[in-house]
């Protein structure tokens, strides 16, 4: 989605197949972030994408501060640093889709910059899949198959690595 695009509430209503009044209510409730430009309301491409992620149930959404360390850009969430690819600065929101997170019992050489060790705090059975919540200093949720859950012997208290690429981390203002 183009970050530079600013949508009118009417355009968002058309995209979501809802009324313009419903879009204004979503903004008022805080469900959809928007910019006020004079007397006009505009929704950026990133704000709309962030709303869609929340609506689809992307549980891994965090408030972060962008920091630069040597040749790396990081999103600091509490005491946890996550490698990100952004030119934004300051206070941001970051999200990682649960299906973009690989769980592993050990480390391995890969292109993924984010390799974070944690402890399983919850396993949510969803039929053919499972949502695994790991405490890596912050709670992060991964979506895996039930077959992977069983083969890896994942239970409460298991120590695992949450692994995901820098490019899987979405950064928003």
N, C-alpha and C. Protein backbone atom coordinates (compact mmCIF):
# COMPACT_ATOMS: atom_id res chain seq x y z
N UNK A 1 0.85 -1.17 0.00
CA UNK A 1 0.00 0.00 0.00
C UNK A 1 0.89 1.23 0.00
N UNK A 2 0.55 2.25 -0.78
CA UNK A 2 1.36 3.46 -0.88
C UNK A 2 1.18 4.31 0.37
N UNK A 3 2.29 4.59 1.08
CA UNK A 3 2.25 5.34 2.33
C UNK A 3 1.88 6.80 2.11
N UNK A 4 2.13 7.34 0.91
CA UNK A 4 1.92 8.75 0.65
C UNK A 4 0.46 9.09 0.34
N UNK A 5 -0.35 8.10 0.04
CA UNK A 5 -1.75 8.33 -0.31
C UNK A 5 -2.52 8.74 0.93
N UNK A 6 -3.32 9.80 0.79
CA UNK A 6 -4.24 10.20 1.84
C UNK A 6 -5.65 9.98 1.31
N UNK A 7 -6.41 9.15 2.01
CA UNK A 7 -7.77 8.83 1.59
C UNK A 7 -8.78 9.71 2.31
N UNK A 8 -9.84 10.04 1.62
CA UNK A 8 -10.99 10.68 2.24
C UNK A 8 -11.80 9.60 2.94
N UNK A 9 -12.55 9.96 3.98
CA UNK A 9 -13.42 8.96 4.63
C UNK A 9 -14.36 8.26 3.63
N UNK A 10 -14.82 9.01 2.62
CA UNK A 10 -15.71 8.43 1.60
C UNK A 10 -15.00 7.30 0.83
N UNK A 11 -13.70 7.50 0.56
CA UNK A 11 -12.94 6.49 -0.17
C UNK A 11 -12.73 5.24 0.68
N UNK A 12 -12.48 5.43 1.98
CA UNK A 12 -12.35 4.28 2.89
C UNK A 12 -13.68 3.54 2.97
N UNK A 13 -14.78 4.29 3.05
CA UNK A 13 -16.12 3.68 3.10
C UNK A 13 -16.36 2.83 1.86
N UNK A 14 -15.96 3.34 0.71
CA UNK A 14 -16.14 2.61 -0.54
C UNK A 14 -15.30 1.33 -0.55
N UNK A 15 -14.05 1.42 -0.08
CA UNK A 15 -13.17 0.24 -0.04
C UNK A 15 -13.72 -0.83 0.90
N UNK A 16 -14.29 -0.40 2.03
CA UNK A 16 -14.78 -1.36 3.03
C UNK A 16 -16.25 -1.74 2.80
N UNK A 17 -16.89 -1.09 1.82
CA UNK A 17 -18.30 -1.35 1.52
C UNK A 17 -19.19 -1.05 2.73
N UNK A 18 -18.93 0.12 3.34
CA UNK A 18 -19.72 0.58 4.48
C UNK A 18 -20.09 2.05 4.23
N UNK A 19 -20.87 2.64 5.13
CA UNK A 19 -21.26 4.03 4.93
C UNK A 19 -20.16 4.97 5.43
N UNK A 20 -20.21 6.20 4.91
CA UNK A 20 -19.27 7.24 5.34
C UNK A 20 -19.46 7.51 6.84
N UNK A 21 -20.69 7.49 7.31
CA UNK A 21 -20.97 7.71 8.73
C UNK A 21 -20.31 6.67 9.62
N UNK A 22 -20.27 5.42 9.15
CA UNK A 22 -19.62 4.36 9.92
C UNK A 22 -18.12 4.62 10.01
N UNK A 23 -17.51 5.12 8.93
CA UNK A 23 -16.08 5.44 8.95
C UNK A 23 -15.81 6.54 9.98
N UNK A 24 -16.66 7.57 10.02
CA UNK A 24 -16.49 8.64 11.01
C UNK A 24 -16.63 8.09 12.44
N UNK A 25 -17.55 7.17 12.64
CA UNK A 25 -17.72 6.54 13.96
C UNK A 25 -16.47 5.73 14.34
N UNK A 26 -15.89 5.00 13.35
CA UNK A 26 -14.68 4.22 13.60
C UNK A 26 -13.53 5.14 14.02
N UNK A 27 -13.44 6.31 13.39
CA UNK A 27 -12.40 7.28 13.73
C UNK A 27 -12.65 7.82 15.14
N UNK A 28 -13.90 8.17 15.42
CA UNK A 28 -14.28 8.71 16.74
C UNK A 28 -13.97 7.71 17.86
N UNK A 29 -14.25 6.41 17.64
CA UNK A 29 -13.98 5.37 18.63
C UNK A 29 -12.49 5.05 18.77
N UNK A 30 -11.69 5.46 17.78
CA UNK A 30 -10.27 5.15 17.82
C UNK A 30 -9.92 3.85 17.11
N UNK A 31 -10.90 3.23 16.45
CA UNK A 31 -10.65 2.00 15.70
C UNK A 31 -9.82 2.26 14.45
N UNK A 32 -10.00 3.44 13.86
CA UNK A 32 -9.30 3.83 12.64
C UNK A 32 -8.63 5.18 12.92
N UNK A 33 -7.30 5.21 12.81
CA UNK A 33 -6.59 6.47 13.02
C UNK A 33 -6.72 7.35 11.79
N UNK A 34 -6.70 8.67 12.01
CA UNK A 34 -6.85 9.61 10.90
C UNK A 34 -6.10 10.90 11.24
N UNK A 35 -5.83 11.68 10.19
CA UNK A 35 -5.22 13.00 10.33
C UNK A 35 -6.31 14.05 10.16
N UNK A 36 -6.22 15.10 10.94
CA UNK A 36 -7.11 16.25 10.74
C UNK A 36 -6.27 17.31 10.04
N UNK A 37 -6.70 17.71 8.86
CA UNK A 37 -6.02 18.75 8.09
C UNK A 37 -7.04 19.88 7.92
N UNK A 38 -6.89 20.89 8.76
CA UNK A 38 -7.90 21.95 8.79
C UNK A 38 -9.22 21.36 9.24
N UNK A 39 -10.25 21.52 8.43
CA UNK A 39 -11.56 20.94 8.75
C UNK A 39 -11.77 19.58 8.11
N UNK A 40 -10.73 19.08 7.44
CA UNK A 40 -10.86 17.82 6.71
C UNK A 40 -10.20 16.66 7.45
N UNK A 41 -10.73 15.49 7.23
CA UNK A 41 -10.17 14.26 7.80
C UNK A 41 -9.56 13.47 6.65
N UNK A 42 -8.33 12.97 6.87
CA UNK A 42 -7.67 12.12 5.88
C UNK A 42 -7.07 10.92 6.58
N UNK A 43 -7.07 9.77 5.89
CA UNK A 43 -6.52 8.52 6.41
C UNK A 43 -5.37 8.13 5.49
N UNK A 44 -4.18 7.96 6.08
CA UNK A 44 -3.02 7.58 5.26
C UNK A 44 -3.11 6.10 4.88
N UNK A 45 -2.34 5.73 3.88
CA UNK A 45 -2.27 4.32 3.48
C UNK A 45 -1.83 3.44 4.63
N UNK A 46 -0.85 3.91 5.42
CA UNK A 46 -0.37 3.13 6.57
C UNK A 46 -1.45 3.00 7.64
N UNK A 47 -2.19 4.07 7.89
CA UNK A 47 -3.26 4.00 8.89
C UNK A 47 -4.34 3.01 8.46
N UNK A 48 -4.66 3.01 7.19
CA UNK A 48 -5.67 2.08 6.68
C UNK A 48 -5.15 0.64 6.77
N UNK A 49 -3.88 0.43 6.39
CA UNK A 49 -3.28 -0.90 6.47
C UNK A 49 -3.24 -1.39 7.92
N UNK A 50 -2.93 -0.48 8.85
CA UNK A 50 -2.91 -0.83 10.28
C UNK A 50 -4.30 -1.26 10.74
N UNK A 51 -5.33 -0.53 10.31
CA UNK A 51 -6.71 -0.91 10.66
C UNK A 51 -7.02 -2.31 10.13
N UNK A 52 -6.65 -2.57 8.88
CA UNK A 52 -6.93 -3.87 8.28
C UNK A 52 -6.22 -4.99 9.03
N UNK A 53 -4.98 -4.75 9.46
CA UNK A 53 -4.26 -5.76 10.25
C UNK A 53 -4.99 -6.05 11.55
N UNK A 54 -5.42 -4.99 12.24
CA UNK A 54 -6.16 -5.19 13.50
C UNK A 54 -7.46 -5.92 13.24
N UNK A 55 -8.16 -5.56 12.18
CA UNK A 55 -9.45 -6.18 11.86
C UNK A 55 -9.28 -7.65 11.52
N UNK A 56 -8.15 -8.02 10.93
CA UNK A 56 -7.91 -9.43 10.59
C UNK A 56 -7.37 -10.21 11.78
N UNK A 57 -7.20 -9.53 12.90
CA UNK A 57 -6.78 -10.23 14.11
C UNK A 57 -5.28 -10.40 14.25
N UNK A 58 -4.51 -9.48 13.69
CA UNK A 58 -3.06 -9.54 13.88
C UNK A 58 -2.76 -9.12 15.31
N UNK A 59 -2.46 -10.08 16.16
CA UNK A 59 -2.29 -9.80 17.58
C UNK A 59 -0.99 -9.12 17.94
N UNK A 60 0.00 -9.19 17.10
CA UNK A 60 1.33 -8.66 17.42
C UNK A 60 1.47 -7.21 16.97
N UNK A 61 0.82 -6.31 17.70
CA UNK A 61 0.90 -4.88 17.41
C UNK A 61 1.44 -4.20 18.66
N UNK A 62 2.51 -3.41 18.49
CA UNK A 62 3.21 -2.81 19.62
C UNK A 62 3.51 -1.35 19.39
N UNK A 63 3.62 -0.60 20.48
CA UNK A 63 4.14 0.77 20.46
C UNK A 63 5.66 0.63 20.57
N UNK A 64 6.41 1.39 19.77
CA UNK A 64 7.87 1.26 19.78
C UNK A 64 8.54 2.60 19.54
N UNK A 65 9.82 2.63 19.82
CA UNK A 65 10.66 3.79 19.55
C UNK A 65 11.74 3.34 18.57
N UNK A 66 11.91 4.05 17.47
CA UNK A 66 12.94 3.70 16.49
C UNK A 66 14.29 4.20 17.00
N UNK A 67 15.26 3.30 16.99
CA UNK A 67 16.63 3.68 17.36
C UNK A 67 17.58 3.18 16.28
N UNK A 68 18.69 3.85 16.15
CA UNK A 68 19.74 3.46 15.19
C UNK A 68 20.93 2.98 16.01
N UNK A 69 21.43 1.79 15.66
CA UNK A 69 22.57 1.21 16.37
C UNK A 69 23.54 0.71 15.31
N UNK A 70 24.67 1.37 15.19
CA UNK A 70 25.66 1.04 14.17
C UNK A 70 24.99 1.05 12.80
N UNK A 71 24.94 -0.09 12.11
CA UNK A 71 24.34 -0.13 10.78
C UNK A 71 22.96 -0.77 10.79
N UNK A 72 22.29 -0.73 11.94
CA UNK A 72 20.99 -1.41 12.07
C UNK A 72 19.93 -0.45 12.60
N UNK A 73 18.71 -0.61 12.11
CA UNK A 73 17.56 0.14 12.60
C UNK A 73 16.72 -0.80 13.44
N UNK A 74 16.41 -0.36 14.66
CA UNK A 74 15.68 -1.21 15.60
C UNK A 74 14.43 -0.51 16.10
N UNK A 75 13.42 -1.31 16.39
CA UNK A 75 12.22 -0.83 17.08
C UNK A 75 12.35 -1.33 18.51
N UNK A 76 12.44 -0.41 19.46
CA UNK A 76 12.58 -0.79 20.86
C UNK A 76 11.18 -0.82 21.49
N UNK A 77 10.81 -2.00 21.97
CA UNK A 77 9.52 -2.21 22.63
C UNK A 77 9.86 -2.64 24.05
N UNK A 78 9.76 -1.70 24.98
CA UNK A 78 10.21 -1.99 26.35
C UNK A 78 11.70 -2.26 26.32
N UNK A 79 12.10 -3.46 26.73
CA UNK A 79 13.52 -3.83 26.72
C UNK A 79 13.88 -4.70 25.52
N UNK A 80 12.93 -4.91 24.61
CA UNK A 80 13.15 -5.79 23.45
C UNK A 80 13.42 -4.95 22.21
N UNK A 81 14.50 -5.28 21.51
CA UNK A 81 14.85 -4.62 20.25
C UNK A 81 14.54 -5.56 19.09
N UNK A 82 13.78 -5.05 18.13
CA UNK A 82 13.41 -5.82 16.94
C UNK A 82 13.99 -5.11 15.72
N UNK A 83 14.68 -5.85 14.88
CA UNK A 83 15.25 -5.30 13.66
C UNK A 83 14.13 -4.97 12.67
N UNK A 84 14.15 -3.72 12.16
CA UNK A 84 13.13 -3.25 11.23
C UNK A 84 13.78 -2.59 10.03
N UNK A 85 13.02 -2.44 8.97
CA UNK A 85 13.48 -1.75 7.77
C UNK A 85 12.57 -0.55 7.55
N UNK A 86 13.02 0.61 8.02
CA UNK A 86 12.21 1.82 7.89
C UNK A 86 13.10 3.04 7.89
N UNK A 87 12.59 4.12 7.30
CA UNK A 87 13.29 5.40 7.40
C UNK A 87 12.56 6.31 8.39
N UNK A 88 11.51 5.80 9.01
CA UNK A 88 10.78 6.58 10.02
C UNK A 88 11.63 6.73 11.27
N UNK A 89 11.29 7.73 12.06
CA UNK A 89 12.02 7.99 13.30
C UNK A 89 11.03 8.24 14.42
N UNK A 90 11.52 8.12 15.65
CA UNK A 90 10.71 8.45 16.80
C UNK A 90 9.71 7.36 17.17
N UNK A 91 8.56 7.80 17.69
CA UNK A 91 7.53 6.90 18.20
C UNK A 91 6.73 6.32 17.02
N UNK A 92 6.61 5.00 16.99
CA UNK A 92 5.90 4.31 15.91
C UNK A 92 5.09 3.14 16.48
N UNK A 93 4.33 2.51 15.61
CA UNK A 93 3.69 1.24 15.93
C UNK A 93 4.31 0.21 14.99
N UNK A 94 4.48 -1.00 15.49
CA UNK A 94 4.99 -2.09 14.66
C UNK A 94 4.04 -3.27 14.78
N UNK A 95 3.96 -4.04 13.71
CA UNK A 95 3.15 -5.26 13.75
C UNK A 95 3.87 -6.38 13.01
N UNK A 96 3.65 -7.58 13.50
CA UNK A 96 4.21 -8.79 12.89
C UNK A 96 3.08 -9.80 12.82
N UNK A 97 2.77 -10.25 11.63
CA UNK A 97 1.69 -11.23 11.49
C UNK A 97 2.10 -12.55 12.14
N UNK A 98 1.21 -13.17 12.91
CA UNK A 98 1.54 -14.44 13.57
C UNK A 98 2.02 -15.52 12.59
N UNK A 99 1.50 -15.52 11.37
CA UNK A 99 1.91 -16.53 10.39
C UNK A 99 3.29 -16.26 9.79
N UNK A 100 3.88 -15.08 10.08
CA UNK A 100 5.23 -14.76 9.60
C UNK A 100 6.31 -15.16 10.59
N UNK A 101 5.92 -15.72 11.72
CA UNK A 101 6.88 -16.08 12.76
C UNK A 101 7.15 -17.58 12.72
N UNK A 102 8.43 -17.92 12.64
CA UNK A 102 8.86 -19.32 12.68
C UNK A 102 9.25 -19.64 14.11
N UNK A 103 8.84 -20.79 14.60
CA UNK A 103 9.26 -21.24 15.92
C UNK A 103 10.32 -22.31 15.75
N UNK A 104 11.34 -22.25 16.60
CA UNK A 104 12.43 -23.21 16.51
C UNK A 104 12.92 -23.55 17.92
N UNK A 105 13.43 -24.77 18.06
CA UNK A 105 13.99 -25.17 19.35
C UNK A 105 15.44 -24.74 19.48
N UNK A 106 16.03 -24.27 18.39
CA UNK A 106 17.42 -23.82 18.41
C UNK A 106 17.64 -22.77 17.34
N UNK A 107 18.85 -22.24 17.29
CA UNK A 107 19.16 -21.25 16.26
C UNK A 107 19.78 -21.93 15.06
N UNK A 108 19.75 -21.23 13.94
CA UNK A 108 20.35 -21.72 12.71
C UNK A 108 20.71 -20.51 11.85
N UNK A 109 21.60 -20.70 10.90
CA UNK A 109 22.02 -19.60 10.03
C UNK A 109 20.91 -19.35 9.02
N UNK A 110 20.46 -18.09 8.96
CA UNK A 110 19.41 -17.71 8.01
C UNK A 110 19.51 -16.22 7.74
N UNK A 111 18.66 -15.74 6.85
CA UNK A 111 18.62 -14.30 6.56
C UNK A 111 17.75 -13.55 7.56
N UNK A 112 17.07 -14.24 8.44
CA UNK A 112 16.21 -13.59 9.44
C UNK A 112 17.07 -12.88 10.48
N UNK A 113 16.83 -11.58 10.67
CA UNK A 113 17.61 -10.79 11.62
C UNK A 113 17.05 -10.89 13.04
N UNK A 114 15.78 -11.27 13.16
CA UNK A 114 15.14 -11.34 14.46
C UNK A 114 15.08 -12.78 14.94
N UNK A 115 15.89 -13.10 15.93
CA UNK A 115 15.95 -14.43 16.55
C UNK A 115 15.87 -14.18 18.06
N UNK A 116 14.68 -14.37 18.62
CA UNK A 116 14.42 -13.98 20.00
C UNK A 116 13.98 -15.19 20.82
N UNK A 117 14.73 -15.47 21.89
CA UNK A 117 14.45 -16.63 22.74
C UNK A 117 13.37 -16.27 23.75
N UNK A 118 12.47 -17.24 23.98
CA UNK A 118 11.41 -17.00 24.95
C UNK A 118 10.82 -18.29 25.49
N UNK A 119 9.81 -18.13 26.33
CA UNK A 119 9.13 -19.24 26.98
C UNK A 119 7.67 -19.25 26.58
N UNK A 120 7.14 -20.43 26.28
CA UNK A 120 5.74 -20.57 25.88
C UNK A 120 4.86 -20.27 27.09
N UNK A 121 3.94 -19.31 26.92
CA UNK A 121 3.03 -18.90 27.99
C UNK A 121 1.60 -19.38 27.74
N UNK A 122 1.26 -19.65 26.47
CA UNK A 122 -0.09 -20.10 26.16
C UNK A 122 -0.10 -20.81 24.81
N UNK A 123 -0.97 -21.81 24.69
CA UNK A 123 -1.19 -22.51 23.42
C UNK A 123 -2.70 -22.53 23.20
N UNK A 124 -3.13 -21.94 22.09
CA UNK A 124 -4.55 -21.83 21.78
C UNK A 124 -4.86 -22.74 20.61
N UNK A 125 -5.64 -23.78 20.85
CA UNK A 125 -6.02 -24.76 19.84
C UNK A 125 -7.07 -24.15 18.92
N UNK A 126 -6.81 -24.20 17.61
CA UNK A 126 -7.75 -23.67 16.62
C UNK A 126 -8.09 -24.72 15.57
N UNK A 127 -8.26 -25.95 15.99
CA UNK A 127 -8.60 -27.01 15.04
C UNK A 127 -7.37 -27.56 14.37
N UNK A 128 -7.10 -27.14 13.13
CA UNK A 128 -5.94 -27.65 12.40
C UNK A 128 -4.68 -26.82 12.67
N UNK A 129 -4.84 -25.70 13.37
CA UNK A 129 -3.70 -24.85 13.69
C UNK A 129 -3.69 -24.52 15.18
N UNK A 130 -2.62 -23.88 15.60
CA UNK A 130 -2.50 -23.47 17.00
C UNK A 130 -1.80 -22.12 17.06
N UNK A 131 -2.25 -21.28 17.98
CA UNK A 131 -1.59 -20.01 18.25
C UNK A 131 -0.74 -20.22 19.50
N UNK A 132 0.55 -19.94 19.36
CA UNK A 132 1.48 -20.14 20.46
C UNK A 132 1.97 -18.77 20.91
N UNK A 133 1.73 -18.45 22.20
CA UNK A 133 2.17 -17.18 22.76
C UNK A 133 3.47 -17.42 23.51
N UNK A 134 4.50 -16.66 23.12
CA UNK A 134 5.82 -16.79 23.71
C UNK A 134 6.19 -15.47 24.37
N UNK A 135 6.74 -15.53 25.56
CA UNK A 135 7.23 -14.34 26.25
C UNK A 135 8.70 -14.17 25.89
N UNK A 136 9.00 -13.15 25.06
CA UNK A 136 10.37 -12.83 24.66
C UNK A 136 10.82 -11.53 25.32
N UNK A 137 10.15 -11.17 26.41
CA UNK A 137 10.30 -9.86 27.02
C UNK A 137 9.03 -9.06 26.78
N UNK A 138 8.33 -9.43 25.72
CA UNK A 138 6.98 -8.99 25.39
C UNK A 138 6.26 -10.24 24.88
N UNK A 139 4.95 -10.31 25.01
CA UNK A 139 4.26 -11.48 24.46
C UNK A 139 4.19 -11.38 22.94
N UNK A 140 4.53 -12.47 22.25
CA UNK A 140 4.43 -12.51 20.79
C UNK A 140 3.73 -13.80 20.41
N UNK A 141 2.84 -13.72 19.43
CA UNK A 141 2.04 -14.87 19.05
C UNK A 141 2.45 -15.38 17.67
N UNK A 142 2.65 -16.69 17.57
CA UNK A 142 2.96 -17.34 16.30
C UNK A 142 1.82 -18.28 15.95
N UNK A 143 1.54 -18.40 14.68
CA UNK A 143 0.51 -19.33 14.20
C UNK A 143 1.21 -20.48 13.50
N UNK A 144 1.00 -21.70 14.00
CA UNK A 144 1.63 -22.88 13.41
C UNK A 144 0.59 -23.98 13.23
N UNK A 145 0.97 -25.02 12.50
CA UNK A 145 0.05 -26.14 12.32
C UNK A 145 0.05 -27.01 13.58
N UNK A 146 -1.03 -27.76 13.75
CA UNK A 146 -1.09 -28.69 14.88
C UNK A 146 -0.02 -29.76 14.74
N UNK A 147 0.31 -30.14 13.49
CA UNK A 147 1.35 -31.14 13.26
C UNK A 147 2.69 -30.63 13.79
N UNK A 148 3.03 -29.36 13.51
CA UNK A 148 4.28 -28.78 14.02
C UNK A 148 4.26 -28.73 15.54
N UNK A 149 3.12 -28.35 16.11
CA UNK A 149 2.99 -28.28 17.57
C UNK A 149 3.31 -29.63 18.20
N UNK A 150 2.74 -30.68 17.62
CA UNK A 150 2.93 -32.04 18.15
C UNK A 150 4.37 -32.52 17.92
N UNK A 151 4.88 -32.36 16.69
CA UNK A 151 6.23 -32.84 16.37
C UNK A 151 7.30 -32.15 17.20
N UNK A 152 7.09 -30.86 17.51
CA UNK A 152 8.08 -30.10 18.29
C UNK A 152 7.89 -30.29 19.79
N UNK A 153 6.78 -30.91 20.16
CA UNK A 153 6.50 -31.14 21.58
C UNK A 153 6.31 -29.85 22.36
N UNK A 154 5.67 -28.88 21.74
CA UNK A 154 5.49 -27.57 22.37
C UNK A 154 4.40 -27.66 23.44
N UNK A 155 4.77 -27.27 24.65
CA UNK A 155 3.85 -27.22 25.79
C UNK A 155 4.15 -25.96 26.59
N UNK A 156 3.29 -25.63 27.53
CA UNK A 156 3.55 -24.47 28.40
C UNK A 156 4.91 -24.63 29.06
N UNK A 157 5.70 -23.57 29.04
CA UNK A 157 7.02 -23.60 29.65
C UNK A 157 8.14 -23.99 28.69
N UNK A 158 7.81 -24.48 27.50
CA UNK A 158 8.85 -24.82 26.52
C UNK A 158 9.67 -23.58 26.17
N UNK A 159 10.98 -23.76 25.99
CA UNK A 159 11.82 -22.66 25.52
C UNK A 159 11.96 -22.77 24.01
N UNK A 160 11.63 -21.68 23.32
CA UNK A 160 11.67 -21.65 21.86
C UNK A 160 12.27 -20.34 21.39
N UNK A 161 12.64 -20.31 20.13
CA UNK A 161 13.07 -19.09 19.47
C UNK A 161 11.97 -18.65 18.52
N UNK A 162 11.61 -17.36 18.59
CA UNK A 162 10.71 -16.75 17.62
C UNK A 162 11.61 -16.10 16.57
N UNK A 163 11.44 -16.52 15.33
CA UNK A 163 12.33 -16.07 14.25
C UNK A 163 11.49 -15.44 13.14
N UNK A 164 11.88 -14.23 12.75
CA UNK A 164 11.17 -13.58 11.64
C UNK A 164 12.09 -12.57 10.98
N UNK A 165 11.84 -12.36 9.70
CA UNK A 165 12.65 -11.45 8.90
C UNK A 165 12.34 -10.00 9.25
N UNK A 166 13.31 -9.16 9.07
CA UNK A 166 13.13 -7.72 9.23
C UNK A 166 11.99 -7.22 8.36
N UNK A 167 11.92 -7.74 7.15
CA UNK A 167 10.90 -7.29 6.18
C UNK A 167 9.49 -7.72 6.60
N UNK A 168 9.36 -8.64 7.54
CA UNK A 168 8.03 -9.06 8.01
C UNK A 168 7.45 -8.08 9.04
N UNK A 169 8.27 -7.15 9.52
CA UNK A 169 7.84 -6.20 10.53
C UNK A 169 7.32 -4.94 9.83
N UNK A 170 6.04 -4.65 10.00
CA UNK A 170 5.44 -3.45 9.42
C UNK A 170 5.56 -2.32 10.43
N UNK A 171 5.98 -1.14 9.95
CA UNK A 171 6.18 0.02 10.81
C UNK A 171 5.19 1.11 10.39
N UNK A 172 4.49 1.70 11.37
CA UNK A 172 3.47 2.73 11.13
C UNK A 172 3.71 3.91 12.03
N UNK A 173 3.25 5.07 11.59
CA UNK A 173 3.25 6.27 12.44
C UNK A 173 1.96 6.32 13.20
